[in-house]
PDB file of N, CA and C in Angstrom:
ATOM      1  N   UNK A   1       0.701  -1.116   0.098  1.00  0.00           N
ATOM      2  CA  UNK A   1       0.102   0.086   0.333  1.00  0.00           C
ATOM      3  C   UNK A   1       0.722   1.048  -0.033  1.00  0.00           C
ATOM      4  N   UNK A   2       0.413   2.482  -0.096  1.00  0.00           N
ATOM      5  CA  UNK A   2       1.107   3.565   0.022  1.00  0.00           C
ATOM      6  C   UNK A   2       0.952   4.448   1.149  1.00  0.00           C
ATOM      7  N   UNK A   3       2.151   5.246   1.211  1.00  0.00           N
ATOM      8  CA  UNK A   3       2.410   6.065   2.402  1.00  0.00           C
ATOM      9  C   UNK A   3       1.642   7.398   2.360  1.00  0.00           C
ATOM     10  N   UNK A   4       1.230   7.636   1.047  1.00  0.00           N
ATOM     11  CA  UNK A   4       0.577   9.071   0.945  1.00  0.00           C
ATOM     12  C   UNK A   4      -0.607   8.584   0.129  1.00  0.00           C
ATOM     13  N   UNK A   5      -1.705   9.607   0.581  1.00  0.00           N
ATOM     14  CA  UNK A   5      -2.761   9.233   0.142  1.00  0.00           C
ATOM     15  C   UNK A   5      -3.011   9.582  -1.434  1.00  0.00           C
ATOM     16  N   UNK A   6      -2.074  10.277  -2.177  1.00  0.00           N
ATOM     17  CA  UNK A   6      -2.052  10.824  -3.582  1.00  0.00           C
ATOM     18  C   UNK A   6      -1.462   9.504  -4.430  1.00  0.00           C
ATOM     19  N   UNK A   7      -0.891   8.545  -3.560  1.00  0.00           N
ATOM     20  CA  UNK A   7      -0.156   7.573  -4.363  1.00  0.00           C
ATOM     21  C   UNK A   7      -0.976   6.203  -4.217  1.00  0.00           C
ATOM     22  N   UNK A   8      -2.450   6.470  -3.538  1.00  0.00           N
ATOM     23  CA  UNK A   8      -3.339   5.300  -3.870  1.00  0.00           C
ATOM     24  C   UNK A   8      -3.964   5.101  -4.948  1.00  0.00           C
ATOM     25  N   UNK A   9      -3.968   4.099  -5.641  1.00  0.00           N
ATOM     26  CA  UNK A   9      -4.564   3.498  -6.806  1.00  0.00           C
ATOM     27  C   UNK A   9      -5.193   2.124  -6.941  1.00  0.00           C
ATOM     28  N   UNK A  10      -6.256   2.138  -7.967  1.00  0.00           N
ATOM     29  CA  UNK A  10      -6.836   0.986  -8.048  1.00  0.00           C
ATOM     30  C   UNK A  10      -6.227   0.335  -9.469  1.00  0.00           C
ATOM     31  N   UNK A  11      -5.422   0.867  -9.852  1.00  0.00           N
ATOM     32  CA  UNK A  11      -4.974   0.024 -11.360  1.00  0.00           C
ATOM     33  C   UNK A  11      -4.232  -1.113 -10.936  1.00  0.00           C
ATOM     34  N   UNK A  12      -4.888  -1.906 -11.423  1.00  0.00           N
ATOM     35  CA  UNK A  12      -4.247  -3.604 -11.576  1.00  0.00           C
ATOM     36  C   UNK A  12      -3.531  -4.030 -12.754  1.00  0.00           C
ATOM     37  N   UNK A  13      -2.433  -4.873 -12.540  1.00  0.00           N
ATOM     38  CA  UNK A  13      -1.879  -5.504 -13.581  1.00  0.00           C
ATOM     39  C   UNK A  13      -1.656  -6.766 -13.789  1.00  0.00           C
ATOM     40  N   UNK A  14      -1.964  -7.846 -14.645  1.00  0.00           N
ATOM     41  CA  UNK A  14      -1.880  -9.207 -14.601  1.00  0.00           C
ATOM     42  C   UNK A  14      -1.379  -9.865 -15.672  1.00  0.00           C
ATOM     43  N   UNK A  15      -0.318 -10.468 -15.815  1.00  0.00           N
ATOM     44  CA  UNK A  15       0.618 -11.119 -16.434  1.00  0.00           C
ATOM     45  C   UNK A  15       0.722  -9.903 -17.792  1.00  0.00           C
ATOM     46  N   UNK A  16       1.223  -8.794 -17.591  1.00  0.00           N
ATOM     47  CA  UNK A  16       1.289  -7.496 -18.517  1.00  0.00           C
ATOM     48  C   UNK A  16       0.136  -6.990 -18.814  1.00  0.00           C
ATOM     49  N   UNK A  17      -1.139  -7.171 -18.751  1.00  0.00           N
ATOM     50  CA  UNK A  17      -2.451  -6.591 -19.248  1.00  0.00           C
ATOM     51  C   UNK A  17      -2.636  -5.702 -17.733  1.00  0.00           C
ATOM     52  N   UNK A  18      -2.952  -4.446 -18.183  1.00  0.00           N
ATOM     53  CA  UNK A  18      -3.677  -3.884 -17.037  1.00  0.00           C
ATOM     54  C   UNK A  18      -5.238  -4.314 -17.079  1.00  0.00           C
ATOM     55  N   UNK A  19      -5.462  -5.049 -16.000  1.00  0.00           N
ATOM     56  CA  UNK A  19      -6.850  -5.440 -16.256  1.00  0.00           C
ATOM     57  C   UNK A  19      -7.952  -4.510 -15.409  1.00  0.00           C
ATOM     58  N   UNK A  20      -7.330  -3.204 -14.424  1.00  0.00           N
ATOM     59  CA  UNK A  20      -8.148  -2.638 -14.059  1.00  0.00           C
ATOM     60  C   UNK A  20      -7.460  -1.548 -14.303  1.00  0.00           C
ATOM     61  N   UNK A  21      -7.822  -0.381 -15.238  1.00  0.00           N
ATOM     62  CA  UNK A  21      -7.199   0.961 -15.762  1.00  0.00           C
ATOM     63  C   UNK A  21      -8.007   2.091 -15.260  1.00  0.00           C
ATOM     64  N   UNK A  22      -7.219   2.295 -14.080  1.00  0.00           N
ATOM     65  CA  UNK A  22      -7.514   3.705 -13.234  1.00  0.00           C
ATOM     66  C   UNK A  22      -7.710   5.029 -14.537  1.00  0.00           C
ATOM     67  N   UNK A  23      -8.679   5.840 -14.621  1.00  0.00           N
ATOM     68  CA  UNK A  23      -8.646   6.683 -15.909  1.00  0.00           C
ATOM     69  C   UNK A  23      -8.636   8.134 -14.785  1.00  0.00           C
ATOM     70  N   UNK A  24      -9.061   8.205 -13.822  1.00  0.00           N
ATOM     71  CA  UNK A  24      -8.780   9.476 -12.916  1.00  0.00           C
ATOM     72  C   UNK A  24      -9.525   9.217 -11.388  1.00  0.00           C
ATOM     73  N   UNK A  25      -9.250   9.992 -10.577  1.00  0.00           N
ATOM     74  CA  UNK A  25      -9.390   9.964  -9.298  1.00  0.00           C
ATOM     75  C   UNK A  25      -9.654  11.096  -8.488  1.00  0.00           C
ATOM     76  N   UNK A  26     -10.577  11.359  -7.630  1.00  0.00           N
ATOM     77  CA  UNK A  26     -10.306  12.636  -6.779  1.00  0.00           C
ATOM     78  C   UNK A  26     -10.586  11.749  -5.331  1.00  0.00           C
ATOM     79  N   UNK A  27      -9.816  12.779  -4.368  1.00  0.00           N
ATOM     80  CA  UNK A  27      -9.460  12.486  -3.374  1.00  0.00           C
ATOM     81  C   UNK A  27     -10.710  13.276  -2.445  1.00  0.00           C
ATOM     82  N   UNK A  28     -11.516  12.854  -1.711  1.00  0.00           N
ATOM     83  CA  UNK A  28     -12.901  13.452  -0.872  1.00  0.00           C
ATOM     84  C   UNK A  28     -12.397  13.769   0.399  1.00  0.00           C
ATOM     85  N   UNK A  29     -11.282  12.915   0.923  1.00  0.00           N
ATOM     86  CA  UNK A  29     -10.930  13.622   2.434  1.00  0.00           C
ATOM     87  C   UNK A  29      -9.492  12.513   2.577  1.00  0.00           C
ATOM     88  N   UNK A  30      -8.723  13.166   3.666  1.00  0.00           N
ATOM     89  CA  UNK A  30      -7.497  13.213   3.680  1.00  0.00           C
ATOM     90  C   UNK A  30      -7.569  12.963   5.186  1.00  0.00           C
ATOM     91  N   UNK A  31      -6.007  12.456   5.562  1.00  0.00           N
ATOM     92  CA  UNK A  31      -5.750  12.445   7.106  1.00  0.00           C
ATOM     93  C   UNK A  31      -5.711  10.887   7.619  1.00  0.00           C
ATOM     94  N   UNK A  32      -6.183  10.723   8.889  1.00  0.00           N
ATOM     95  CA  UNK A  32      -5.758   9.036   9.294  1.00  0.00           C
ATOM     96  C   UNK A  32      -6.903   8.148   8.575  1.00  0.00           C
ATOM     97  N   UNK A  33      -8.202   9.063   8.256  1.00  0.00           N
ATOM     98  CA  UNK A  33      -9.083   7.832   7.016  1.00  0.00           C
ATOM     99  C   UNK A  33      -9.173   8.660   6.129  1.00  0.00           C
ATOM    100  N   UNK A  34      -8.946   8.188   4.721  1.00  0.00           N
ATOM    101  CA  UNK A  34      -8.741   8.858   3.285  1.00  0.00           C
ATOM    102  C   UNK A  34     -10.145   8.203   2.791  1.00  0.00           C
ATOM    103  N   UNK A  35     -10.807   9.231   2.031  1.00  0.00           N
ATOM    104  CA  UNK A  35     -11.848   8.707   1.096  1.00  0.00           C
ATOM    105  C   UNK A  35     -11.725   9.191  -0.525  1.00  0.00           C
ATOM    106  N   UNK A  36     -11.702   8.216  -0.994  1.00  0.00           N
ATOM    107  CA  UNK A  36     -11.360   8.649  -2.849  1.00  0.00           C
ATOM    108  C   UNK A  36     -12.044   7.755  -3.708  1.00  0.00           C
ATOM    109  N   UNK A  37     -12.778   8.756  -4.713  1.00  0.00           N
ATOM    110  CA  UNK A  37     -13.271   8.192  -5.665  1.00  0.00           C
ATOM    111  C   UNK A  37     -12.749   7.943  -6.879  1.00  0.00           C
ATOM    112  N   UNK A  38     -13.012   6.732  -7.178  1.00  0.00           N
ATOM    113  CA  UNK A  38     -11.985   6.447  -8.778  1.00  0.00           C
ATOM    114  C   UNK A  38     -12.821   6.227  -9.835  1.00  0.00           C
ATOM    115  N   UNK A  39     -12.405   6.874 -11.183  1.00  0.00           N
ATOM    116  CA  UNK A  39     -12.994   6.320 -12.389  1.00  0.00           C
ATOM    117  C   UNK A  39     -12.028   5.535 -13.178  1.00  0.00           C
ATOM    118  N   UNK A  40     -12.695   4.259 -13.581  1.00  0.00           N
ATOM    119  CA  UNK A  40     -11.820   3.345 -14.049  1.00  0.00           C
ATOM    120  C   UNK A  40     -12.740   2.336 -15.047  1.00  0.00           C
ATOM    121  N   UNK A  41     -11.702   1.810 -15.858  1.00  0.00           N
ATOM    122  CA  UNK A  41     -12.162   0.608 -16.914  1.00  0.00           C
ATOM    123  C   UNK A  41     -11.985  -0.652 -16.387  1.00  0.00           C
ATOM    124  N   UNK A  42     -12.508  -1.783 -16.602  1.00  0.00           N
ATOM    125  CA  UNK A  42     -12.000  -3.265 -16.612  1.00  0.00           C
ATOM    126  C   UNK A  42     -11.804  -3.727 -17.927  1.00  0.00           C
ATOM    127  N   UNK A  43     -10.650  -4.661 -18.056  1.00  0.00           N
ATOM    128  CA  UNK A  43     -10.242  -5.145 -19.574  1.00  0.00           C
ATOM    129  C   UNK A  43     -11.137  -6.205 -19.800  1.00  0.00           C
ATOM    130  N   UNK A  44     -11.694  -6.540 -20.876  1.00  0.00           N
ATOM    131  CA  UNK A  44     -12.505  -7.820 -21.395  1.00  0.00           C
ATOM    132  C   UNK A  44     -11.734  -8.830 -22.042  1.00  0.00           C
ATOM    133  N   UNK A  45     -11.190  -9.781 -21.136  1.00  0.00           N
ATOM    134  CA  UNK A  45     -10.341 -10.646 -22.106  1.00  0.00           C
ATOM    135  C   UNK A  45     -10.848 -11.199 -23.142  1.00  0.00           C
ATOM    136  N   UNK A  46     -12.054 -11.484 -23.104  1.00  0.00           N
ATOM    137  CA  UNK A  46     -12.822 -12.268 -24.507  1.00  0.00           C
ATOM    138  C   UNK A  46     -12.727 -11.491 -25.676  1.00  0.00           C
ATOM    139  N   UNK A  47     -13.101 -10.195 -25.470  1.00  0.00           N
ATOM    140  CA  UNK A  47     -13.257  -9.023 -26.159  1.00  0.00           C
ATOM    141  C   UNK A  47     -11.792  -8.228 -26.748  1.00  0.00           C
ATOM    142  N   UNK A  48     -11.009  -8.281 -25.773  1.00  0.00           N
ATOM    143  CA  UNK A  48      -9.694  -7.558 -25.743  1.00  0.00           C
ATOM    144  C   UNK A  48      -9.925  -6.014 -25.889  1.00  0.00           C
ATOM    145  N   UNK A  49     -11.067  -5.821 -25.155  1.00  0.00           N
ATOM    146  CA  UNK A  49     -11.049  -4.065 -25.332  1.00  0.00           C
ATOM    147  C   UNK A  49     -11.527  -3.702 -23.906  1.00  0.00           C
ATOM    148  N   UNK A  50     -11.361  -2.393 -23.218  1.00  0.00           N
ATOM    149  CA  UNK A  50     -11.702  -2.495 -21.865  1.00  0.00           C
ATOM    150  C   UNK A  50     -13.312  -1.567 -22.121  1.00  0.00           C
ATOM    151  N   UNK A  51     -14.076  -2.099 -21.194  1.00  0.00           N
ATOM    152  CA  UNK A  51     -15.239  -2.243 -21.094  1.00  0.00           C
ATOM    153  C   UNK A  51     -15.628  -0.398 -20.830  1.00  0.00           C
ATOM    154  N   UNK A  52     -17.034  -0.335 -20.361  1.00  0.00           N
ATOM    155  CA  UNK A  52     -17.560   0.947 -19.930  1.00  0.00           C
ATOM    156  C   UNK A  52     -16.962   1.268 -18.862  1.00  0.00           C
ATOM    157  N   UNK A  53     -16.977   2.798 -18.795  1.00  0.00           N
ATOM    158  CA  UNK A  53     -16.583   3.530 -17.227  1.00  0.00           C
ATOM    159  C   UNK A  53     -17.094   3.196 -16.158  1.00  0.00           C
ATOM    160  N   UNK A  54     -16.699   3.018 -15.036  1.00  0.00           N
ATOM    161  CA  UNK A  54     -17.213   2.483 -13.930  1.00  0.00           C
ATOM    162  C   UNK A  54     -16.998   3.519 -12.789  1.00  0.00           C
ATOM    163  N   UNK A  55     -17.054   3.187 -11.734  1.00  0.00           N
ATOM    164  CA  UNK A  55     -16.661   4.244 -10.412  1.00  0.00           C
ATOM    165  C   UNK A  55     -16.635   3.568  -9.255  1.00  0.00           C
ATOM    166  N   UNK A  56     -15.820   3.801  -8.367  1.00  0.00           N
ATOM    167  CA  UNK A  56     -15.808   3.088  -7.307  1.00  0.00           C
ATOM    168  C   UNK A  56     -15.362   4.008  -6.045  1.00  0.00           C
ATOM    169  N   UNK A  57     -15.814   4.281  -4.744  1.00  0.00           N
ATOM    170  CA  UNK A  57     -15.459   4.649  -3.702  1.00  0.00           C
ATOM    171  C   UNK A  57     -14.619   4.240  -2.824  1.00  0.00           C
ATOM    172  N   UNK A  58     -13.788   4.699  -2.567  1.00  0.00           N
ATOM    173  CA  UNK A  58     -12.902   3.475  -1.511  1.00  0.00           C
ATOM    174  C   UNK A  58     -12.516   4.229  -0.176  1.00  0.00           C
ATOM    175  N   UNK A  59     -12.511   3.731   0.642  1.00  0.00           N
ATOM    176  CA  UNK A  59     -12.191   4.168   2.619  1.00  0.00           C
ATOM    177  C   UNK A  59     -10.891   3.516   2.659  1.00  0.00           C
ATOM    178  N   UNK A  60      -9.911   4.147   2.885  1.00  0.00           N
ATOM    179  CA  UNK A  60      -8.691   3.797   3.400  1.00  0.00           C
ATOM    180  C   UNK A  60      -8.228   4.211   5.033  1.00  0.00           C
ATOM    181  N   UNK A  61      -7.512   3.430   5.774  1.00  0.00           N
ATOM    182  CA  UNK A  61      -7.119   3.825   7.059  1.00  0.00           C
ATOM    183  C   UNK A  61      -5.708   3.632   7.051  1.00  0.00           C
ATOM    184  N   UNK A  62      -4.910   4.919   7.665  1.00  0.00           N
ATOM    185  CA  UNK A  62      -3.464   5.045   7.780  1.00  0.00           C
ATOM    186  C   UNK A  62      -2.966   4.102   9.017  1.00  0.00           C
ATOM    187  N   UNK A  63      -2.423   2.988   8.682  1.00  0.00           N
ATOM    188  CA  UNK A  63      -1.825   2.624   9.892  1.00  0.00           C
ATOM    189  C   UNK A  63      -0.414   1.883   9.690  1.00  0.00           C
ATOM    190  N   UNK A  64       0.580   2.314  10.880  1.00  0.00           N
ATOM    191  CA  UNK A  64       2.116   1.808  10.659  1.00  0.00           C
ATOM    192  C   UNK A  64       2.246   2.526   9.518  1.00  0.00           C
ATOM    193  N   UNK A  65       2.039   3.654   9.369  1.00  0.00           N
ATOM    194  CA  UNK A  65       2.731   4.528   8.371  1.00  0.00           C
ATOM    195  C   UNK A  65       2.194   4.059   6.735  1.00  0.00           C
ATOM    196  N   UNK A  66       0.986   3.483   6.524  1.00  0.00           N
ATOM    197  CA  UNK A  66       0.583   2.739   5.323  1.00  0.00           C
ATOM    198  C   UNK A  66      -1.001   2.824   5.508  1.00  0.00           C
ATOM    199  N   UNK A  67      -1.493   3.546   4.409  1.00  0.00           N
ATOM    200  CA  UNK A  67      -2.737   3.327   3.838  1.00  0.00           C
ATOM    201  C   UNK A  67      -3.235   1.682   3.420  1.00  0.00           C
ATOM    202  N   UNK A  68      -4.197   1.342   4.064  1.00  0.00           N
ATOM    203  CA  UNK A  68      -4.817   0.309   3.859  1.00  0.00           C
ATOM    204  C   UNK A  68      -6.372   0.191   3.459  1.00  0.00           C
ATOM    205  N   UNK A  69      -6.939  -0.352   2.698  1.00  0.00           N
ATOM    206  CA  UNK A  69      -8.374  -0.242   2.429  1.00  0.00           C
ATOM    207  C   UNK A  69      -9.241  -0.964   3.492  1.00  0.00           C
ATOM    208  N   UNK A  70     -10.177  -0.162   3.630  1.00  0.00           N
ATOM    209  CA  UNK A  70     -11.194  -0.782   4.469  1.00  0.00           C
ATOM    210  C   UNK A  70     -12.542  -1.247   4.001  1.00  0.00           C
ATOM    211  N   UNK A  71     -12.786  -0.244   3.181  1.00  0.00           N
ATOM    212  CA  UNK A  71     -14.169  -0.607   2.329  1.00  0.00           C
ATOM    213  C   UNK A  71     -14.320  -0.147   0.994  1.00  0.00           C
ATOM    214  N   UNK A  72     -15.441  -0.521   0.333  1.00  0.00           N
ATOM    215  CA  UNK A  72     -15.564   0.069  -0.950  1.00  0.00           C
ATOM    216  C   UNK A  72     -17.043   0.187  -1.149  1.00  0.00           C
ATOM    217  N   UNK A  73     -17.340   0.902  -2.213  1.00  0.00           N
ATOM    218  CA  UNK A  73     -18.970   0.584  -2.920  1.00  0.00           C
ATOM    219  C   UNK A  73     -18.136   1.211  -4.477  1.00  0.00           C
ATOM    220  N   UNK A  74     -18.917   0.149  -5.102  1.00  0.00           N
ATOM    221  CA  UNK A  74     -18.853  -0.083  -6.770  1.00  0.00           C
ATOM    222  C   UNK A  74     -20.223   0.728  -7.284  1.00  0.00           C
ATOM    223  N   UNK A  75     -19.801   1.620  -8.056  1.00  0.00           N
ATOM    224  CA  UNK A  75     -21.215   2.380  -8.634  1.00  0.00           C
ATOM    225  C   UNK A  75     -21.038   1.458 -10.123  1.00  0.00           C
ATOM    226  N   UNK A  76     -22.027   0.823 -10.561  1.00  0.00           N
ATOM    227  CA  UNK A  76     -21.630  -0.198 -11.804  1.00  0.00           C
ATOM    228  C   UNK A  76     -21.740   0.546 -13.045  1.00  0.00           C
ATOM    229  N   UNK A  77     -22.907   1.757 -12.979  1.00  0.00           N
ATOM    230  CA  UNK A  77     -22.615   2.360 -14.440  1.00  0.00           C
ATOM    231  C   UNK A  77     -23.104   3.797 -14.253  1.00  0.00           C
ATOM    232  N   UNK A  78     -23.142   4.265 -15.477  1.00  0.00           N
ATOM    233  CA  UNK A  78     -22.995   5.657 -15.442  1.00  0.00           C
ATOM    234  C   UNK A  78     -24.606   6.135 -14.738  1.00  0.00           C
ATOM    235  N   UNK A  79     -25.701   5.107 -15.374  1.00  0.00           N
ATOM    236  CA  UNK A  79     -26.509   5.673 -15.024  1.00  0.00           C
ATOM    237  C   UNK A  79     -27.179   5.291 -13.570  1.00  0.00           C
ATOM    238  N   UNK A  80     -26.137   4.559 -12.701  1.00  0.00           N
ATOM    239  CA  UNK A  80     -26.131   4.335 -11.410  1.00  0.00           C
ATOM    240  C   UNK A  80     -25.887   5.799 -10.663  1.00  0.00           C
ATOM    241  N   UNK A  81     -24.386   5.888 -11.448  1.00  0.00           N
ATOM    242  CA  UNK A  81     -23.787   7.375 -10.985  1.00  0.00           C
ATOM    243  C   UNK A  81     -24.494   8.801 -10.950  1.00  0.00           C
ATOM    244  N   UNK A  82     -25.416   8.693 -12.233  1.00  0.00           N
ATOM    245  CA  UNK A  82     -26.150   9.982 -12.229  1.00  0.00           C
ATOM    246  C   UNK A  82     -27.414   9.942 -11.345  1.00  0.00           C
ATOM    247  N   UNK A  83     -27.984   8.699 -10.945  1.00  0.00           N
ATOM    248  CA  UNK A  83     -29.123   8.765  -9.824  1.00  0.00           C
ATOM    249  C   UNK A  83     -28.480   9.053  -8.277  1.00  0.00           C
ATOM    250  N   UNK A  84     -27.192   8.515  -8.216  1.00  0.00           N
ATOM    251  CA  UNK A  84     -26.508   9.161  -6.931  1.00  0.00           C
ATOM    252  C   UNK A  84     -26.143  10.849  -7.014  1.00  0.00           C
ATOM    253  N   UNK A  85     -25.905  11.074  -8.099  1.00  0.00           N
ATOM    254  CA  UNK A  85     -25.760  12.339  -8.287  1.00  0.00           C
ATOM    255  C   UNK A  85     -27.224  13.473  -8.099  1.00  0.00           C
ATOM    256  N   UNK A  86     -28.131  13.055  -8.605  1.00  0.00           N
ATOM    257  CA  UNK A  86     -29.343  13.449  -8.589  1.00  0.00           C
ATOM    258  C   UNK A  86     -29.768  13.545  -6.928  1.00  0.00           C
ATOM    259  N   UNK A  87     -29.796  12.342  -6.518  1.00  0.00           N
ATOM    260  CA  UNK A  87     -30.245  12.556  -5.046  1.00  0.00           C
ATOM    261  C   UNK A  87     -29.287  13.625  -4.332  1.00  0.00           C
ATOM    262  N   UNK A  88     -28.219  13.153  -4.382  1.00  0.00           N
ATOM    263  CA  UNK A  88     -27.321  14.515  -3.290  1.00  0.00           C
ATOM    264  C   UNK A  88     -27.586  15.734  -3.746  1.00  0.00           C
ATOM    265  N   UNK A  89     -27.789  16.083  -5.104  1.00  0.00           N
ATOM    266  CA  UNK A  89     -28.008  17.308  -5.757  1.00  0.00           C
ATOM    267  C   UNK A  89     -29.658  17.780  -4.718  1.00  0.00           C
ATOM    268  N   UNK A  90     -30.298  16.896  -5.024  1.00  0.00           N
ATOM    269  CA  UNK A  90     -31.585  17.441  -4.048  1.00  0.00           C
ATOM    270  C   UNK A  90     -31.360  17.536  -2.521  1.00  0.00           C
ATOM    271  N   UNK A  91     -30.856  16.543  -1.963  1.00  0.00           N
ATOM    272  CA  UNK A  91     -30.434  16.755  -0.506  1.00  0.00           C
ATOM    273  C   UNK A  91     -29.459  17.678   0.083  1.00  0.00           C
ATOM    274  N   UNK A  92     -29.033  18.047  -1.048  1.00  0.00           N
ATOM    275  CA  UNK A  92     -27.793  19.553  -0.306  1.00  0.00           C
ATOM    276  C   UNK A  92     -28.350  20.816  -1.073  1.00  0.00           C
ATOM    277  N   UNK A  93     -29.437  20.813  -2.124  1.00  0.00           N
ATOM    278  CA  UNK A  93     -29.719  22.017  -2.501  1.00  0.00           C
ATOM    279  C   UNK A  93     -30.123  23.123  -1.316  1.00  0.00           C
ATOM    280  N   UNK A  94     -29.634  24.110  -1.458  1.00  0.00           N
ATOM    281  CA  UNK A  94     -30.302  25.050  -0.359  1.00  0.00           C
ATOM    282  C   UNK A  94     -31.744  26.112  -1.198  1.00  0.00           C
TER     283      UNK A  94
END
């Protein structure tokens, strides 16, 4: 794992192929507990292409100088992401 929150990633390589390709990330909170939302794509081995954009929110705790993942929530589609955005906007609109 990483020592700095900025170095955390979900990119994963297997047999020379990036099977989870991180496209972007936004750090939502820093400190002993860190929250990051990632935009990523998974590699489809059968089609040999990357799939649609996906999103995941990860929580990390820093212990012994390193961040370790504690939980995650996967947003499986753009449609689900838009529903989450709509709900949050409604709840936070003044």
